[in-house]
C-alpha atoms as a PDB file:
ATOM      1  CA  MET A   1     102.663 110.257 105.035  1.00  0.00           C
ATOM      2  CA  LYS A   2     103.728 109.434 101.533  1.00  0.00           C
ATOM      3  CA  ILE A   3     101.049 107.485  99.637  1.00  0.00           C
ATOM      4  CA  GLY A   4     101.271 105.526  96.379  1.00  0.00           C
ATOM      5  CA  ILE A   5      97.981 105.215  94.499  1.00  0.00           C
ATOM      6  CA  ILE A   6      97.393 102.672  91.751  1.00  0.00           C
ATOM      7  CA  SER A   7      94.511 100.935  90.005  1.00  0.00           C
ATOM      8  CA  ASP A   8      93.592  98.548  87.226  1.00  0.00           C
ATOM      9  CA  THR A   9      96.804  96.565  87.161  1.00  0.00           C
ATOM     10  CA  HIS A  10      94.926  93.510  85.825  1.00  0.00           C
ATOM     11  CA  GLY A  11      97.678  91.133  86.956  1.00  0.00           C
ATOM     12  CA  TYR A  12     100.578  93.249  85.657  1.00  0.00           C
ATOM     13  CA  LEU A  13     102.898  95.240  87.895  1.00  0.00           C
ATOM     14  CA  HIS A  14     104.927  97.736  85.902  1.00  0.00           C
ATOM     15  CA  PRO A  15     108.671  97.372  86.580  1.00  0.00           C
ATOM     16  CA  ASN A  16     108.909 101.053  87.647  1.00  0.00           C
ATOM     17  CA  VAL A  17     106.225 100.786  90.338  1.00  0.00           C
ATOM     18  CA  SER A  18     108.780  99.658  92.915  1.00  0.00           C
ATOM     19  CA  SER A  19     111.108 102.611  92.413  1.00  0.00           C
ATOM     20  CA  PHE A  20     108.257 105.139  92.025  1.00  0.00           C
ATOM     21  CA  PHE A  21     106.627 103.969  95.273  1.00  0.00           C
ATOM     22  CA  GLU A  22     109.950 103.602  97.139  1.00  0.00           C
ATOM     23  CA  GLY A  23     109.674 105.380 100.475  1.00  0.00           C
ATOM     24  CA  CYS A  24     105.871 105.333 100.495  1.00  0.00           C
ATOM     25  CA  ASP A  25     104.260 104.685 103.863  1.00  0.00           C
ATOM     26  CA  GLU A  26     101.225 103.055 102.244  1.00  0.00           C
ATOM     27  CA  ILE A  27      99.962 101.982  98.836  1.00  0.00           C
ATOM     28  CA  TRP A  28      96.285 102.268  97.955  1.00  0.00           C
ATOM     29  CA  HIS A  29      95.031 100.011  95.145  1.00  0.00           C
ATOM     30  CA  ALA A  30      91.600 100.930  93.751  1.00  0.00           C
ATOM     31  CA  GLY A  31      90.688  97.557  92.266  1.00  0.00           C
ATOM     32  CA  ASP A  32      91.002  95.272  89.266  1.00  0.00           C
ATOM     33  CA  ILE A  33      94.179  94.006  90.861  1.00  0.00           C
ATOM     34  CA  GLY A  34      94.162  90.904  88.704  1.00  0.00           C
ATOM     35  CA  SER A  35      96.202  88.507  90.837  1.00  0.00           C
ATOM     36  CA  GLU A  36      97.322  87.792  94.358  1.00  0.00           C
ATOM     37  CA  GLU A  37     100.911  88.146  93.114  1.00  0.00           C
ATOM     38  CA  VAL A  38     100.343  91.866  92.455  1.00  0.00           C
ATOM     39  CA  LEU A  39      99.180  92.313  96.053  1.00  0.00           C
ATOM     40  CA  ASP A  40     102.170  90.358  97.347  1.00  0.00           C
ATOM     41  CA  GLU A  41     104.649  92.391  95.261  1.00  0.00           C
ATOM     42  CA  LEU A  42     103.114  95.678  96.398  1.00  0.00           C
ATOM     43  CA  LYS A  43     103.306  94.558 100.038  1.00  0.00           C
ATOM     44  CA  LEU A  44     107.072  94.174  99.606  1.00  0.00           C
ATOM     45  CA  ILE A  45     107.194  97.929  98.945  1.00  0.00           C
ATOM     46  CA  ALA A  46     104.797  99.204 101.649  1.00  0.00           C
ATOM     47  CA  PRO A  47     101.622  98.223 103.523  1.00  0.00           C
ATOM     48  CA  VAL A  48      98.682  97.973 101.100  1.00  0.00           C
ATOM     49  CA  ARG A  49      95.053  99.021 101.404  1.00  0.00           C
ATOM     50  CA  ALA A  50      93.143  97.497  98.500  1.00  0.00           C
ATOM     51  CA  VAL A  51      89.641  96.974  97.199  1.00  0.00           C
ATOM     52  CA  TYR A  52      88.584  94.492  94.575  1.00  0.00           C
ATOM     53  CA  GLY A  53      87.235  95.423  91.178  1.00  0.00           C
ATOM     54  CA  ASN A  54      84.703  93.915  88.830  1.00  0.00           C
ATOM     55  CA  CYS A  55      87.401  91.821  87.073  1.00  0.00           C
ATOM     56  CA  ASP A  56      88.972  90.366  90.230  1.00  0.00           C
ATOM     57  CA  ASP A  57      88.604  86.673  91.010  1.00  0.00           C
ATOM     58  CA  TRP A  58      87.532  85.146  94.313  1.00  0.00           C
ATOM     59  CA  ASP A  59      91.123  84.756  95.565  1.00  0.00           C
ATOM     60  CA  VAL A  60      91.727  88.511  95.277  1.00  0.00           C
ATOM     61  CA  ARG A  61      88.263  89.309  96.666  1.00  0.00           C
ATOM     62  CA  TYR A  62      88.965  87.132  99.707  1.00  0.00           C
ATOM     63  CA  ARG A  63      92.014  89.302 100.538  1.00  0.00           C
ATOM     64  CA  THR A  64      90.403  92.684  99.848  1.00  0.00           C
ATOM     65  CA  ALA A  65      87.153  94.563 100.462  1.00  0.00           C
ATOM     66  CA  GLU A  66      84.499  96.013  98.190  1.00  0.00           C
ATOM     67  CA  SER A  67      85.114  99.426  99.738  1.00  0.00           C
ATOM     68  CA  LEU A  68      87.204 100.912 102.514  1.00  0.00           C
ATOM     69  CA  VAL A  69      86.789 104.057 104.588  1.00  0.00           C
ATOM     70  CA  PHE A  70      89.685 104.993 106.841  1.00  0.00           C
ATOM     71  CA  HIS A  71      91.568 107.906 108.355  1.00  0.00           C
ATOM     72  CA  CYS A  72      94.921 109.071 107.028  1.00  0.00           C
ATOM     73  CA  GLU A  73      96.432 112.016 108.833  1.00  0.00           C
ATOM     74  CA  GLY A  74      93.708 114.699 108.875  1.00  0.00           C
ATOM     75  CA  HIS A  75      91.620 113.127 106.122  1.00  0.00           C
ATOM     76  CA  LYS A  76      88.893 110.544 105.888  1.00  0.00           C
ATOM     77  CA  VAL A  77      89.574 108.445 102.784  1.00  0.00           C
ATOM     78  CA  ALA A  78      87.153 106.304 100.803  1.00  0.00           C
ATOM     79  CA  LEU A  79      88.524 103.680  98.425  1.00  0.00           C
ATOM     80  CA  MET A  80      86.273 101.836  95.949  1.00  0.00           C
ATOM     81  CA  HIS A  81      86.603 100.561  92.389  1.00  0.00           C
ATOM     82  CA  ILE A  82      83.465 101.722  90.543  1.00  0.00           C
ATOM     83  CA  VAL A  83      82.724 105.204  91.853  1.00  0.00           C
ATOM     84  CA  GLY A  84      81.993 107.566  88.977  1.00  0.00           C
ATOM     85  CA  ASN A  85      84.024 110.441  87.620  1.00  0.00           C
ATOM     86  CA  GLY A  86      84.076 113.117  90.323  1.00  0.00           C
ATOM     87  CA  SER A  87      81.069 114.926  88.853  1.00  0.00           C
ATOM     88  CA  TYR A  88      78.716 111.938  88.796  1.00  0.00           C
ATOM     89  CA  TYR A  89      78.806 109.117  91.385  1.00  0.00           C
ATOM     90  CA  SER A  90      77.343 105.627  91.480  1.00  0.00           C
ATOM     91  CA  THR A  91      74.659 104.972  94.085  1.00  0.00           C
ATOM     92  CA  PRO A  92      77.010 102.931  96.343  1.00  0.00           C
ATOM     93  CA  ALA A  93      79.604 105.720  96.149  1.00  0.00           C
ATOM     94  CA  LEU A  94      76.989 108.344  97.030  1.00  0.00           C
ATOM     95  CA  ASP A  95      75.979 106.213 100.015  1.00  0.00           C
ATOM     96  CA  ILE A  96      79.584 106.297 101.243  1.00  0.00           C
ATOM     97  CA  ILE A  97      79.792 110.054 100.642  1.00  0.00           C
ATOM     98  CA  ASN A  98      76.525 110.751 102.473  1.00  0.00           C
ATOM     99  CA  VAL A  99      77.238 108.467 105.440  1.00  0.00           C
ATOM    100  CA  SER A 100      81.019 108.748 105.898  1.00  0.00           C
ATOM    101  CA  HIS A 101      81.780 112.208 104.441  1.00  0.00           C
ATOM    102  CA  PRO A 102      85.242 111.404 103.050  1.00  0.00           C
ATOM    103  CA  THR A 103      87.542 114.266 102.135  1.00  0.00           C
ATOM    104  CA  ILE A 104      89.403 112.072  99.620  1.00  0.00           C
ATOM    105  CA  PHE A 105      87.685 109.519  97.372  1.00  0.00           C
ATOM    106  CA  VAL A 106      89.946 107.172  95.391  1.00  0.00           C
ATOM    107  CA  ALA A 107      88.430 105.288  92.463  1.00  0.00           C
ATOM    108  CA  GLY A 108      89.459 103.019  89.641  1.00  0.00           C
ATOM    109  CA  HIS A 109      87.614 101.355  86.756  1.00  0.00           C
ATOM    110  CA  SER A 110      87.638 104.092  84.088  1.00  0.00           C
ATOM    111  CA  HIS A 111      91.345 103.696  83.224  1.00  0.00           C
ATOM    112  CA  ILE A 112      91.394 107.503  82.984  1.00  0.00           C
ATOM    113  CA  LEU A 113      93.731 109.528  85.204  1.00  0.00           C
ATOM    114  CA  LYS A 114      91.745 112.231  86.961  1.00  0.00           C
ATOM    115  CA  VAL A 115      92.375 114.335  90.056  1.00  0.00           C
ATOM    116  CA  MET A 116      89.766 116.970  90.772  1.00  0.00           C
ATOM    117  CA  ASN A 117      88.203 118.942  93.554  1.00  0.00           C
ATOM    118  CA  ASP A 118      84.512 118.222  94.067  1.00  0.00           C
ATOM    119  CA  PRO A 119      83.155 121.296  95.891  1.00  0.00           C
ATOM    120  CA  LYS A 120      79.599 119.891  95.989  1.00  0.00           C
ATOM    121  CA  HIS A 121      80.721 116.998  98.220  1.00  0.00           C
ATOM    122  CA  ASN A 122      83.735 118.778  99.728  1.00  0.00           C
ATOM    123  CA  LEU A 123      86.221 116.125  98.634  1.00  0.00           C
ATOM    124  CA  LEU A 124      89.175 115.459  96.390  1.00  0.00           C
ATOM    125  CA  PHE A 125      88.379 112.840  93.748  1.00  0.00           C
ATOM    126  CA  ILE A 126      91.342 110.745  92.603  1.00  0.00           C
ATOM    127  CA  ASN A 127      91.446 108.133  89.871  1.00  0.00           C
ATOM    128  CA  PRO A 128      95.052 107.075  89.182  1.00  0.00           C
ATOM    129  CA  GLY A 129      94.151 105.730  85.735  1.00  0.00           C
ATOM    130  CA  SER A 130      95.393 102.303  84.716  1.00  0.00           C
ATOM    131  CA  ALA A 131      98.764 100.780  85.514  1.00  0.00           C
ATOM    132  CA  GLY A 132      98.019  97.579  83.609  1.00  0.00           C
ATOM    133  CA  ARG A 133      98.274  96.509  80.002  1.00  0.00           C
ATOM    134  CA  ARG A 134      94.668  95.323  79.647  1.00  0.00           C
ATOM    135  CA  GLY A 135      92.032  97.793  78.432  1.00  0.00           C
ATOM    136  CA  GLN A 136      91.479 100.560  75.911  1.00  0.00           C
ATOM    137  CA  HIS A 137      93.677 103.171  77.620  1.00  0.00           C
ATOM    138  CA  THR A 138      96.750 104.484  75.813  1.00  0.00           C
ATOM    139  CA  ARG A 139      98.772 105.588  78.879  1.00  0.00           C
ATOM    140  CA  LEU A 140     100.080 103.689  81.914  1.00  0.00           C
ATOM    141  CA  THR A 141      99.616 105.884  84.971  1.00  0.00           C
ATOM    142  CA  PHE A 142      99.890 105.748  88.745  1.00  0.00           C
ATOM    143  CA  LEU A 143     100.613 108.468  91.274  1.00  0.00           C
ATOM    144  CA  ARG A 144     101.936 109.383  94.661  1.00  0.00           C
ATOM    145  CA  LEU A 145     101.288 112.246  97.046  1.00  0.00           C
ATOM    146  CA  GLU A 146     102.094 113.386 100.537  1.00  0.00           C
ATOM    147  CA  ILE A 147      99.570 113.948 103.303  1.00  0.00           C
ATOM    148  CA  ASN A 148     100.622 116.011 106.299  1.00  0.00           C
ATOM    149  CA  GLY A 149      97.681 116.698 108.581  1.00  0.00           C
ATOM    150  CA  THR A 150      95.064 118.122 106.238  1.00  0.00           C
ATOM    151  CA  GLU A 151      97.628 119.366 103.715  1.00  0.00           C
ATOM    152  CA  LEU A 152      98.107 117.449 100.465  1.00  0.00           C
ATOM    153  CA  SER A 153     101.302 118.098  98.542  1.00  0.00           C
ATOM    154  CA  HIS A 154     103.870 116.748  96.109  1.00  0.00           C
ATOM    155  CA  LEU A 155     101.373 115.057  93.818  1.00  0.00           C
ATOM    156  CA  GLU A 156     103.432 113.257  91.170  1.00  0.00           C
ATOM    157  CA  VAL A 157     102.170 111.158  88.281  1.00  0.00           C
ATOM    158  CA  TYR A 158     104.007 108.317  86.570  1.00  0.00           C
ATOM    159  CA  ASP A 159     102.887 108.449  82.937  1.00  0.00           C
ATOM    160  CA  GLU A 160     104.151 106.619  79.880  1.00  0.00           C
ATOM    161  CA  PRO A 161     102.683 105.239  76.659  1.00  0.00           C
ATOM    162  CA  LYS A 162     101.062 101.826  77.009  1.00  0.00           C
END
């Protein structure tokens, strides 16, 4: 499966998201979506799994969840907005790790692109950074990867100055 991963759009969908995510089987949005229109535009590209973030209004929260845990190929995936940084985790994120044992944990909130192996919890931590214009970040980033069974490959990052 080809997966597009995005976060912290804050109501703005970069014009290159559509072409970068073209051919994706799913899109995972890790919160601070910012508007229902962003969800609707992403759904025109591929099915969307999304969680709300601390800046999302009630309309977005009604259509999303606080956290999701699901299977994708040979992986159990956790998706939540405020998670931590891959070395330190929030209490709700640790609860998900300890109960569900995800092998991939996708986060948002920090606006900092980070992909790292966490050997302590036996998972891959992914934060796609921020794809929106709002916030202190200096780069617009989102990513895609392929999952085939338990193998992860072809990780590609879209990165440009804000």
